Amino acid sequence: MESGAEVDIWNYVFGYTKMAVVKCAIELGVADVIENHGSPMTLSDLAAVLRCEPSRLHRIMRFLVHYQVFKQEPTGQHSMGFSLTPLSRLLMKHGENTMAPFILLESSPIILGPWHSLRARVLESGNISPFEAANGMDLYSYTEANPCHSKLFNDAMACAARVAIPALIKGCPEVFDGVESLVDVGGGNGTALSLIVKQFPRIRGINFDLPQVVAAMKNALGS
């Protein structure tokens, strides 16, 4: 039991490393490069495209292969290459089912910072949230004041919608019986609503959000 507890402590201490290394792979665009290449890539080829030091990249890729984010397979008689797995396909920045924005949001200093304020939130009185304690304003005020964070936030929520909404439609389609119009309050870029309306064309969808979110959505749609 005691030895197991010691192992758990090590897991707590280094638990952040998986997220950090996956974030690194997303920011480098590793999955996108391998996908565009069309076949497994050797370390030297991958490093050349990414313009990075092969020995440093090797440490990252070795870690990710160990956790089955990528895999290695022969590319010749004496060489091995990196290829994609179902997991790494979700890390492509521009993949149809990408989860990259979700990971980038949750691993950003803005979102991680509040976790370091939990002690203060437990001990202090008042209604200030950990996010506000860490960033000086609430989440939605910060999002409104920072367009880049706003885009990342809405892209991340779209990632969640692409997972949750198809599951809802498949598992509980009856909840939409008789629905003629549907308002998504705080619907972000409209991903959740568009998935529902696509499946149930009779439904009139209304995406309701803050003015700057709606404006950004219209610009993205070209309307």
Protein backbone atom coordinates (compact mmCIF):
# COMPACT_ATOMS: atom_id res chain seq x y z
CA MET A 1 0.00 0.00 0.00
CA GLU A 2 2.77 2.43 0.93
CA SER A 3 4.70 1.79 -2.28
CA GLY A 4 1.50 2.33 -4.26
CA ALA A 5 1.01 5.66 -2.52
CA GLU A 6 4.52 6.71 -3.47
CA VAL A 7 3.77 5.90 -7.12
CA ASP A 8 0.61 7.99 -6.90
CA ILE A 9 2.65 10.93 -5.60
CA TRP A 10 4.96 10.71 -8.61
CA ASN A 11 1.91 10.69 -10.87
CA TYR A 12 0.63 13.84 -9.17
CA VAL A 13 4.00 15.55 -9.44
CA PHE A 14 4.46 14.87 -13.15
CA GLY A 15 0.82 14.65 -14.20
CA TYR A 16 1.09 17.89 -16.15
CA THR A 17 3.71 16.50 -18.53
CA LYS A 18 1.26 14.69 -20.82
CA MET A 19 -0.72 17.85 -21.44
CA ALA A 20 2.45 19.89 -21.92
CA VAL A 21 3.95 17.52 -24.48
CA VAL A 22 0.67 17.11 -26.39
CA LYS A 23 0.35 20.91 -26.44
CA CYS A 24 3.88 21.13 -27.84
CA ALA A 25 2.99 18.67 -30.61
CA ILE A 26 -0.10 20.69 -31.53
CA GLU A 27 1.79 23.98 -31.62
CA LEU A 28 4.55 22.45 -33.74
CA GLY A 29 1.93 20.98 -36.09
CA VAL A 30 3.40 17.46 -35.95
CA ALA A 31 0.18 15.65 -36.85
CA ASP A 32 -0.57 18.06 -39.70
CA VAL A 33 2.90 17.60 -41.19
CA ILE A 34 2.68 13.79 -41.10
CA GLU A 35 -0.82 13.87 -42.58
CA ASN A 36 0.29 16.17 -45.42
CA HIS A 37 3.30 13.95 -46.07
CA GLY A 38 0.97 11.03 -46.77
CA SER A 39 3.22 8.31 -45.33
CA PRO A 40 5.31 7.64 -42.20
CA MET A 41 8.05 10.21 -41.69
CA THR A 42 11.53 9.60 -40.37
CA LEU A 43 12.78 11.76 -37.54
CA SER A 44 15.17 13.63 -39.84
CA ASP A 45 12.45 14.36 -42.40
CA LEU A 46 10.01 15.49 -39.73
CA ALA A 47 12.62 17.71 -38.09
CA ALA A 48 13.53 19.23 -41.45
CA VAL A 49 9.94 20.24 -42.16
CA LEU A 50 9.42 21.55 -38.63
CA ARG A 51 12.83 23.30 -38.73
CA CYS A 52 13.87 22.02 -35.32
CA GLU A 53 16.74 20.13 -33.72
CA PRO A 54 16.24 16.36 -34.35
CA SER A 55 17.56 15.29 -30.94
CA ARG A 56 15.08 17.54 -29.15
CA LEU A 57 12.21 16.46 -31.36
CA HIS A 58 13.16 12.83 -30.72
CA ARG A 59 12.50 13.27 -27.00
CA ILE A 60 9.04 14.64 -27.72
CA MET A 61 8.16 11.93 -30.23
CA ARG A 62 9.50 9.14 -28.02
CA PHE A 63 7.22 10.34 -25.23
CA LEU A 64 4.20 10.54 -27.56
CA VAL A 65 4.84 7.11 -29.06
CA HIS A 66 5.05 5.64 -25.55
CA TYR A 67 1.57 7.01 -24.82
CA GLN A 68 0.29 5.84 -28.23
CA VAL A 69 -0.41 9.34 -29.51
CA PHE A 70 1.77 8.49 -32.53
CA LYS A 71 3.19 5.18 -33.65
CA GLN A 72 6.38 4.05 -35.33
CA GLU A 73 6.60 1.70 -38.29
CA PRO A 74 9.29 0.70 -40.79
CA THR A 75 9.91 3.06 -43.71
CA GLY A 76 12.76 1.01 -45.17
CA GLN A 77 15.18 -1.74 -44.37
CA HIS A 78 17.02 0.26 -41.72
CA SER A 79 14.72 3.15 -40.85
CA MET A 80 11.59 3.83 -38.83
CA GLY A 81 8.99 6.51 -39.37
CA PHE A 82 6.28 8.18 -37.34
CA SER A 83 2.65 7.81 -38.39
CA LEU A 84 -0.73 8.90 -37.10
CA THR A 85 -3.12 7.11 -34.76
CA PRO A 86 -6.82 7.87 -34.21
CA LEU A 87 -5.68 9.98 -31.25
CA SER A 88 -3.13 12.07 -33.13
CA ARG A 89 -5.67 12.72 -35.90
CA LEU A 90 -7.65 14.64 -33.31
CA LEU A 91 -4.61 16.87 -32.77
CA MET A 92 -4.49 18.22 -36.33
CA LYS A 93 -5.11 21.95 -36.25
CA HIS A 94 -7.38 21.90 -39.27
CA GLY A 95 -8.89 18.42 -39.02
CA GLU A 96 -12.65 18.11 -39.37
CA ASN A 97 -12.93 16.55 -35.92
CA THR A 98 -9.99 18.34 -34.32
CA MET A 99 -9.84 18.62 -30.55
CA ALA A 100 -6.72 20.78 -30.70
CA PRO A 101 -8.40 24.07 -29.69
CA PHE A 102 -9.91 22.37 -26.63
CA ILE A 103 -6.47 21.21 -25.49
CA LEU A 104 -4.86 24.58 -26.24
CA LEU A 105 -7.54 26.38 -24.23
CA GLU A 106 -7.35 24.13 -21.19
CA SER A 107 -3.55 24.22 -21.19
CA SER A 108 -3.31 28.00 -21.58
CA PRO A 109 -1.93 30.11 -18.70
CA ILE A 110 -5.25 31.96 -18.53
CA ILE A 111 -7.17 28.77 -17.74
CA LEU A 112 -4.47 27.07 -15.68
CA GLY A 113 -3.85 30.16 -13.54
CA PRO A 114 -7.10 29.88 -11.54
CA TRP A 115 -6.15 26.41 -10.37
CA HIS A 116 -3.30 28.02 -8.46
CA SER A 117 -5.83 30.24 -6.66
CA LEU A 118 -7.94 27.47 -5.15
CA ARG A 119 -6.46 27.86 -1.66
CA ALA A 120 -7.35 31.55 -1.58
CA ARG A 121 -10.86 30.80 -2.81
CA VAL A 122 -11.38 28.25 -0.04
CA LEU A 123 -10.06 30.50 2.74
CA GLU A 124 -11.43 33.89 1.68
CA SER A 125 -15.00 35.11 1.91
CA GLY A 126 -16.90 36.75 -0.92
CA ASN A 127 -18.06 35.60 -4.31
CA ILE A 128 -14.94 36.19 -6.38
CA SER A 129 -14.17 33.18 -8.57
CA PRO A 130 -10.73 31.58 -8.92
CA PHE A 131 -10.64 32.84 -12.52
CA GLU A 132 -11.30 36.42 -11.43
CA ALA A 133 -8.76 36.15 -8.62
CA ALA A 134 -6.11 35.03 -11.09
CA ASN A 135 -6.96 37.28 -14.04
CA GLY A 136 -8.57 40.37 -12.52
CA MET A 137 -11.94 39.89 -14.23
CA ASP A 138 -14.49 37.16 -14.81
CA LEU A 139 -14.19 34.71 -17.69
CA TYR A 140 -16.65 36.39 -20.03
CA SER A 141 -15.30 39.91 -19.42
CA TYR A 142 -11.81 38.61 -20.16
CA THR A 143 -13.04 36.87 -23.29
CA GLU A 144 -14.74 40.06 -24.49
CA ALA A 145 -11.58 42.10 -23.92
CA ASN A 146 -9.25 39.61 -25.62
CA PRO A 147 -10.31 38.64 -29.16
CA CYS A 148 -7.65 35.93 -29.51
CA HIS A 149 -8.81 34.23 -26.33
CA SER A 150 -12.41 34.65 -27.47
CA LYS A 151 -11.71 32.80 -30.71
CA LEU A 152 -9.85 30.03 -28.89
CA PHE A 153 -12.66 29.71 -26.35
CA ASN A 154 -15.36 29.43 -29.02
CA ASP A 155 -13.29 27.01 -31.09
CA ALA A 156 -12.81 24.87 -27.98
CA MET A 157 -16.54 24.88 -27.22
CA ALA A 158 -17.13 23.80 -30.82
CA CYS A 159 -14.83 20.83 -30.21
CA ALA A 160 -16.93 19.81 -27.23
CA ALA A 161 -20.11 20.22 -29.26
CA ARG A 162 -18.83 17.95 -32.02
CA VAL A 163 -18.48 15.20 -29.42
CA ALA A 164 -21.58 15.81 -27.30
CA ILE A 165 -24.23 16.71 -29.88
CA PRO A 166 -23.89 13.63 -32.14
CA ALA A 167 -24.03 11.47 -28.99
CA LEU A 168 -27.19 13.28 -27.90
CA ILE A 169 -28.81 12.92 -31.32
CA LYS A 170 -27.93 9.23 -31.50
CA GLY A 171 -28.84 8.36 -27.93
CA CYS A 172 -31.87 10.58 -27.29
CA PRO A 173 -33.37 11.66 -30.63
CA GLU A 174 -36.82 11.80 -29.05
CA VAL A 175 -35.93 15.00 -27.16
CA PHE A 176 -36.27 16.85 -30.47
CA ASP A 177 -39.74 15.47 -31.23
CA GLY A 178 -42.17 18.33 -31.82
CA VAL A 179 -39.46 20.99 -31.62
CA GLU A 180 -40.00 23.66 -34.27
CA SER A 181 -37.54 26.30 -33.09
CA LEU A 182 -34.49 26.11 -30.86
CA VAL A 183 -32.47 28.91 -29.26
CA ASP A 184 -28.90 28.13 -28.21
CA VAL A 185 -28.08 30.68 -25.51
CA GLY A 186 -24.33 31.21 -25.45
CA GLY A 187 -24.02 29.17 -28.62
CA GLY A 188 -20.60 30.52 -29.57
CA ASN A 189 -19.83 29.98 -33.25
CA GLY A 190 -23.03 27.99 -33.75
CA THR A 191 -21.50 24.53 -34.09
CA ALA A 192 -23.90 22.81 -31.69
CA LEU A 193 -26.96 24.36 -33.26
CA SER A 194 -25.82 23.68 -36.82
CA LEU A 195 -25.34 19.98 -36.02
CA ILE A 196 -28.87 19.76 -34.65
CA VAL A 197 -30.47 21.64 -37.54
CA LYS A 198 -28.57 19.52 -40.04
CA GLN A 199 -30.05 16.39 -38.50
CA PHE A 200 -33.52 17.91 -38.05
CA PRO A 201 -34.02 20.40 -40.93
CA ARG A 202 -37.52 21.29 -39.73
CA ILE A 203 -36.05 23.04 -36.69
CA ARG A 204 -35.47 26.79 -36.96
CA GLY A 205 -32.24 27.48 -35.11
CA ILE A 206 -31.38 30.76 -33.39
CA ASN A 207 -27.84 31.22 -32.12
CA PHE A 208 -27.88 33.75 -29.27
CA ASP A 209 -24.62 35.11 -27.91
CA LEU A 210 -22.73 38.28 -27.06
CA PRO A 211 -22.47 40.88 -29.88
CA GLN A 212 -18.74 40.40 -30.44
CA VAL A 213 -19.20 36.62 -30.71
CA VAL A 214 -22.00 36.95 -33.24
CA ALA A 215 -19.99 39.51 -35.22
CA ALA A 216 -16.99 37.19 -35.37
CA MET A 217 -19.22 34.33 -36.46
CA LYS A 218 -20.72 36.43 -39.28
CA ASN A 219 -17.25 37.47 -40.45
CA ALA A 220 -16.14 33.84 -40.50
CA LEU A 221 -19.20 32.89 -42.53
CA GLY A 222 -18.77 35.84 -44.86
CA SER A 223 -22.19 37.21 -44.11
